[in-house]
C-alpha atoms as a PDB file:
ATOM      1  CA  MET A   1      98.371-123.731-272.238  1.00  0.00           C
ATOM      2  CA  SER A   2     102.094-124.939-272.365  1.00  0.00           C
ATOM      3  CA  GLY A   3     103.112-127.053-269.699  1.00  0.00           C
ATOM      4  CA  GLY A   4     103.763-125.352-266.547  1.00  0.00           C
ATOM      5  CA  SER A   5     101.512-122.125-267.407  1.00  0.00           C
ATOM      6  CA  TRP A   6      99.065-122.921-265.003  1.00  0.00           C
ATOM      7  CA  GLU A   7     101.406-123.693-262.483  1.00  0.00           C
ATOM      8  CA  TYR A   8     102.731-120.108-263.322  1.00  0.00           C
ATOM      9  CA  ALA A   9      99.601-118.339-263.420  1.00  0.00           C
ATOM     10  CA  SER A  10      98.666-119.955-259.827  1.00  0.00           C
ATOM     11  CA  HIS A  11     102.014-119.158-258.094  1.00  0.00           C
ATOM     12  CA  HIS A  12     101.202-115.381-259.555  1.00  0.00           C
ATOM     13  CA  LEU A  13      97.742-115.555-258.094  1.00  0.00           C
ATOM     14  CA  GLY A  14      99.281-116.381-254.435  1.00  0.00           C
ATOM     15  CA  ASP A  15     101.047-113.333-254.563  1.00  0.00           C
ATOM     16  CA  ILE A  16      97.770-111.347-255.048  1.00  0.00           C
ATOM     17  CA  VAL A  17      96.382-113.345-252.181  1.00  0.00           C
ATOM     18  CA  ASP A  18      99.055-112.796-249.740  1.00  0.00           C
ATOM     19  CA  ALA A  19      99.000-109.087-250.826  1.00  0.00           C
ATOM     20  CA  LEU A  20      95.156-109.181-250.344  1.00  0.00           C
ATOM     21  CA  ARG A  21      95.787-110.857-246.965  1.00  0.00           C
ATOM     22  CA  ASN A  22      98.089-108.725-245.742  1.00  0.00           C
ATOM     23  CA  ASP A  23      96.576-105.518-246.502  1.00  0.00           C
ATOM     24  CA  THR A  24      99.741-104.413-248.769  1.00  0.00           C
ATOM     25  CA  CYS A  25      99.564-103.515-252.604  1.00  0.00           C
ATOM     26  CA  THR A  26     101.722-105.420-254.780  1.00  0.00           C
ATOM     27  CA  ARG A  27     104.171-102.737-254.537  1.00  0.00           C
ATOM     28  CA  HIS A  28     104.726-104.376-250.666  1.00  0.00           C
ATOM     29  CA  TYR A  29     103.613-100.886-248.909  1.00  0.00           C
ATOM     30  CA  ARG A  30     100.483-100.855-246.287  1.00  0.00           C
ATOM     31  CA  LEU A  31      97.611 -99.716-247.360  1.00  0.00           C
ATOM     32  CA  ASP A  32      95.430 -97.737-244.405  1.00  0.00           C
ATOM     33  CA  LEU A  33      91.825 -99.782-245.203  1.00  0.00           C
ATOM     34  CA  ASN A  34      88.691 -99.548-243.113  1.00  0.00           C
ATOM     35  CA  GLU A  35      87.093-103.055-241.735  1.00  0.00           C
ATOM     36  CA  HIS A  36      84.717-103.265-244.343  1.00  0.00           C
ATOM     37  CA  GLN A  37      87.958-102.898-247.115  1.00  0.00           C
ATOM     38  CA  LYS A  38      89.580-105.583-245.164  1.00  0.00           C
ATOM     39  CA  ARG A  39      87.106-108.361-244.985  1.00  0.00           C
ATOM     40  CA  THR A  40      86.242-107.509-248.261  1.00  0.00           C
ATOM     41  CA  ARG A  41      89.855-108.147-249.524  1.00  0.00           C
ATOM     42  CA  ARG A  42      89.930-111.159-247.131  1.00  0.00           C
ATOM     43  CA  GLN A  43      87.040-112.855-249.268  1.00  0.00           C
ATOM     44  CA  LEU A  44      88.412-112.021-252.773  1.00  0.00           C
ATOM     45  CA  ALA A  45      91.386-113.835-251.557  1.00  0.00           C
ATOM     46  CA  ASP A  46      89.700-116.707-250.513  1.00  0.00           C
ATOM     47  CA  LEU A  47      88.281-116.938-253.883  1.00  0.00           C
ATOM     48  CA  ILE A  48      91.432-116.282-255.841  1.00  0.00           C
ATOM     49  CA  GLU A  49      93.097-119.168-253.655  1.00  0.00           C
ATOM     50  CA  ALA A  50      90.869-121.398-254.577  1.00  0.00           C
ATOM     51  CA  VAL A  51      91.246-120.583-258.054  1.00  0.00           C
ATOM     52  CA  SER A  52      94.872-120.946-257.856  1.00  0.00           C
ATOM     53  CA  HIS A  53      94.814-124.687-256.455  1.00  0.00           C
ATOM     54  CA  ALA A  54      92.119-125.177-259.434  1.00  0.00           C
ATOM     55  CA  LEU A  55      95.179-123.945-261.975  1.00  0.00           C
ATOM     56  CA  HIS A  56      97.647-125.937-260.099  1.00  0.00           C
ATOM     57  CA  GLU A  57      95.599-129.372-260.081  1.00  0.00           C
ATOM     58  CA  ILE A  58      94.834-128.669-263.902  1.00  0.00           C
ATOM     59  CA  GLU A  59      98.427-128.476-264.006  1.00  0.00           C
ATOM     60  CA  TRP A  60      99.029-131.404-262.399  1.00  0.00           C
ATOM     61  CA  VAL A  61      96.136-133.449-264.317  1.00  0.00           C
ATOM     62  CA  ASP A  62      97.545-131.989-267.575  1.00  0.00           C
ATOM     63  CA  SER A  63     100.936-133.551-267.306  1.00  0.00           C
ATOM     64  CA  SER A  64      99.447-136.777-266.300  1.00  0.00           C
ATOM     65  CA  ASP A  65     100.866-136.322-262.714  1.00  0.00           C
ATOM     66  CA  THR A  66      97.690-136.893-261.124  1.00  0.00           C
ATOM     67  CA  SER A  67      94.341-138.007-262.530  1.00  0.00           C
ATOM     68  CA  TYR A  68      90.950-136.891-262.653  1.00  0.00           C
ATOM     69  CA  PRO A  69      89.013-135.800-260.773  1.00  0.00           C
ATOM     70  CA  ALA A  70      91.366-133.843-258.970  1.00  0.00           C
ATOM     71  CA  ASP A  71      91.200-130.954-261.204  1.00  0.00           C
ATOM     72  CA  THR A  72      87.136-131.279-261.355  1.00  0.00           C
ATOM     73  CA  ASP A  73      87.077-131.102-257.754  1.00  0.00           C
ATOM     74  CA  ALA A  74      89.369-128.165-257.339  1.00  0.00           C
ATOM     75  CA  ILE A  75      87.504-126.300-260.173  1.00  0.00           C
ATOM     76  CA  GLU A  76      83.730-126.891-258.197  1.00  0.00           C
ATOM     77  CA  LYS A  77      85.378-125.509-254.959  1.00  0.00           C
ATOM     78  CA  ALA A  78      86.246-122.782-256.691  1.00  0.00           C
ATOM     79  CA  LEU A  79      83.251-122.040-258.197  1.00  0.00           C
ATOM     80  CA  PHE A  80      81.137-122.803-255.562  1.00  0.00           C
ATOM     81  CA  SER A  81      83.196-121.849-252.528  1.00  0.00           C
ATOM     82  CA  ARG A  82      80.974-118.998-251.782  1.00  0.00           C
ATOM     83  CA  SER A  83      77.911-121.027-250.229  1.00  0.00           C
ATOM     84  CA  ASP A  84      75.287-118.703-251.605  1.00  0.00           C
ATOM     85  CA  CYS A  85      76.573-119.398-255.187  1.00  0.00           C
ATOM     86  CA  HIS A  86      75.905-122.822-255.105  1.00  0.00           C
ATOM     87  CA  PRO A  87      73.219-124.004-257.802  1.00  0.00           C
ATOM     88  CA  LEU A  88      70.899-126.271-255.612  1.00  0.00           C
ATOM     89  CA  ARG A  89      70.542-123.812-252.976  1.00  0.00           C
ATOM     90  CA  HIS A  90      67.044-123.440-254.540  1.00  0.00           C
ATOM     91  CA  GLN A  91      66.324-127.251-255.410  1.00  0.00           C
ATOM     92  CA  ARG A  92      63.886-128.369-253.373  1.00  0.00           C
ATOM     93  CA  VAL A  93      64.886-131.130-250.924  1.00  0.00           C
ATOM     94  CA  ASP A  94      62.936-133.911-252.831  1.00  0.00           C
ATOM     95  CA  GLU A  95      65.020-133.302-255.694  1.00  0.00           C
ATOM     96  CA  LEU A  96      67.899-135.332-253.899  1.00  0.00           C
ATOM     97  CA  ALA A  97      68.458-138.757-253.973  1.00  0.00           C
ATOM     98  CA  LEU A  98      66.669-139.103-250.434  1.00  0.00           C
ATOM     99  CA  SER A  99      65.481-142.360-248.951  1.00  0.00           C
ATOM    100  CA  VAL A 100      61.351-142.299-248.193  1.00  0.00           C
ATOM    101  CA  ARG A 101      62.661-142.210-244.715  1.00  0.00           C
ATOM    102  CA  LEU A 102      64.461-139.170-244.844  1.00  0.00           C
ATOM    103  CA  SER A 103      62.075-137.478-247.231  1.00  0.00           C
ATOM    104  CA  ASN A 104      59.206-138.085-244.785  1.00  0.00           C
ATOM    105  CA  LEU A 105      61.373-136.713-241.606  1.00  0.00           C
ATOM    106  CA  LEU A 106      62.570-133.613-243.902  1.00  0.00           C
ATOM    107  CA  ARG A 107      58.643-133.225-244.859  1.00  0.00           C
ATOM    108  CA  ASP A 108      57.537-133.301-241.114  1.00  0.00           C
ATOM    109  CA  ALA A 109      60.173-130.733-240.455  1.00  0.00           C
ATOM    110  CA  HIS A 110      58.688-128.336-242.954  1.00  0.00           C
ATOM    111  CA  ILE A 111      62.226-128.411-244.928  1.00  0.00           C
ATOM    112  CA  LYS A 112      61.302-127.930-248.183  1.00  0.00           C
ATOM    113  CA  TYR A 113      65.009-126.384-249.937  1.00  0.00           C
ATOM    114  CA  ILE A 114      68.162-127.331-249.787  1.00  0.00           C
ATOM    115  CA  GLY A 115      69.001-123.669-249.110  1.00  0.00           C
ATOM    116  CA  ASP A 116      66.952-124.269-245.936  1.00  0.00           C
ATOM    117  CA  LEU A 117      68.103-127.591-245.315  1.00  0.00           C
ATOM    118  CA  VAL A 118      72.024-126.382-245.300  1.00  0.00           C
ATOM    119  CA  GLN A 119      71.407-123.733-242.626  1.00  0.00           C
ATOM    120  CA  LYS A 120      70.096-125.791-240.527  1.00  0.00           C
ATOM    121  CA  THR A 121      73.257-127.164-237.511  1.00  0.00           C
ATOM    122  CA  GLU A 122      74.441-130.931-237.175  1.00  0.00           C
ATOM    123  CA  SER A 123      72.894-130.974-233.372  1.00  0.00           C
ATOM    124  CA  GLU A 124      69.376-129.523-234.832  1.00  0.00           C
ATOM    125  CA  MET A 125      69.323-131.850-237.428  1.00  0.00           C
ATOM    126  CA  LEU A 126      70.335-134.572-234.989  1.00  0.00           C
ATOM    127  CA  GLU A 127      67.662-133.646-232.541  1.00  0.00           C
ATOM    128  CA  LEU A 128      64.910-133.766-236.069  1.00  0.00           C
ATOM    129  CA  LEU A 129      65.873-137.069-237.853  1.00  0.00           C
ATOM    130  CA  GLY A 130      68.014-139.141-235.500  1.00  0.00           C
ATOM    131  CA  GLU A 131      71.322-140.605-235.642  1.00  0.00           C
ATOM    132  CA  GLY A 132      71.272-142.696-238.451  1.00  0.00           C
ATOM    133  CA  PRO A 133      69.442-140.679-241.038  1.00  0.00           C
ATOM    134  CA  LEU A 134      71.662-137.669-240.014  1.00  0.00           C
ATOM    135  CA  ARG A 135      74.600-139.545-241.160  1.00  0.00           C
ATOM    136  CA  ASP A 136      72.874-140.880-244.807  1.00  0.00           C
ATOM    137  CA  LEU A 137      71.600-136.877-245.348  1.00  0.00           C
ATOM    138  CA  GLN A 138      75.043-135.747-244.511  1.00  0.00           C
ATOM    139  CA  LYS A 139      76.598-138.355-246.976  1.00  0.00           C
ATOM    140  CA  ILE A 140      73.953-137.152-249.577  1.00  0.00           C
ATOM    141  CA  LEU A 141      74.989-133.363-249.052  1.00  0.00           C
ATOM    142  CA  ASP A 142      78.674-134.060-249.191  1.00  0.00           C
ATOM    143  CA  GLU A 143      78.270-135.474-252.540  1.00  0.00           C
ATOM    144  CA  VAL A 144      76.527-132.701-253.935  1.00  0.00           C
ATOM    145  CA  GLY A 145      79.338-130.217-251.986  1.00  0.00           C
ATOM    146  CA  LEU A 146      76.833-128.900-249.663  1.00  0.00           C
ATOM    147  CA  SER A 147      76.953-129.463-245.716  1.00  0.00           C
ATOM    148  CA  LEU A 148      75.171-128.642-242.827  1.00  0.00           C
ATOM    149  CA  GLY A 149      75.547-125.154-240.906  1.00  0.00           C
ATOM    150  CA  MET A 150      76.520-123.456-243.613  1.00  0.00           C
ATOM    151  CA  LYS A 151      75.582-119.293-244.048  1.00  0.00           C
ATOM    152  CA  ILE A 152      73.937-118.260-247.209  1.00  0.00           C
ATOM    153  CA  ASN A 153      72.391-115.135-248.379  1.00  0.00           C
ATOM    154  CA  TRP A 154      68.910-116.319-249.741  1.00  0.00           C
ATOM    155  CA  PRO A 155      65.261-115.654-248.622  1.00  0.00           C
ATOM    156  CA  SER A 156      63.685-118.859-246.308  1.00  0.00           C
ATOM    157  CA  ARG A 157      61.635-119.270-249.560  1.00  0.00           C
ATOM    158  CA  ALA A 158      62.358-119.764-253.026  1.00  0.00           C
ATOM    159  CA  PRO A 159      61.360-117.196-255.693  1.00  0.00           C
ATOM    160  CA  ALA A 160      58.763-118.978-257.156  1.00  0.00           C
ATOM    161  CA  ASP A 161      57.107-119.479-253.474  1.00  0.00           C
ATOM    162  CA  LEU A 162      57.635-115.985-252.682  1.00  0.00           C
ATOM    163  CA  ALA A 163      55.902-114.892-255.973  1.00  0.00           C
ATOM    164  CA  ARG A 164      53.087-117.248-255.057  1.00  0.00           C
ATOM    165  CA  GLU A 165      52.661-115.875-252.109  1.00  0.00           C
ATOM    166  CA  ILE A 166      52.532-112.258-252.994  1.00  0.00           C
ATOM    167  CA  LEU A 167      50.271-112.663-255.816  1.00  0.00           C
ATOM    168  CA  GLY A 168      47.981-114.820-254.429  1.00  0.00           C
END
């Protein structure tokens, strides 16, 4: 795209976000929406806003006003803005770059999957791990775009484990 095109698209997506959040249509009159419609439109607005921000950052990187990884960070945030879409959620915690001590603590706490781990709160993990290992864990999660206390919608066990359990 030519210079300014990403910014142009970003600006117009911002208008769409405003309309979704204010329960209006693009003609600016108020819509009569039920609560489910309002909630889903606001969730869509959050996603579009993340995409808009990513386009804005691409514009800045492409015009050499800022540098990598600003665009990549914004794109990844848009892609993974819904934690239930994060590609790591079904991976085992031992696939993270954990210290032996941290791996053992998570194993002892029966936390096998990243999806199970990120649903735990900071206070739960402090109780299980202690202060030092908790800080290490938070740093590792942050490096892969995750955090403790995330709300995700998935079974507490990975699909392969569920299948093994059902099939025996």
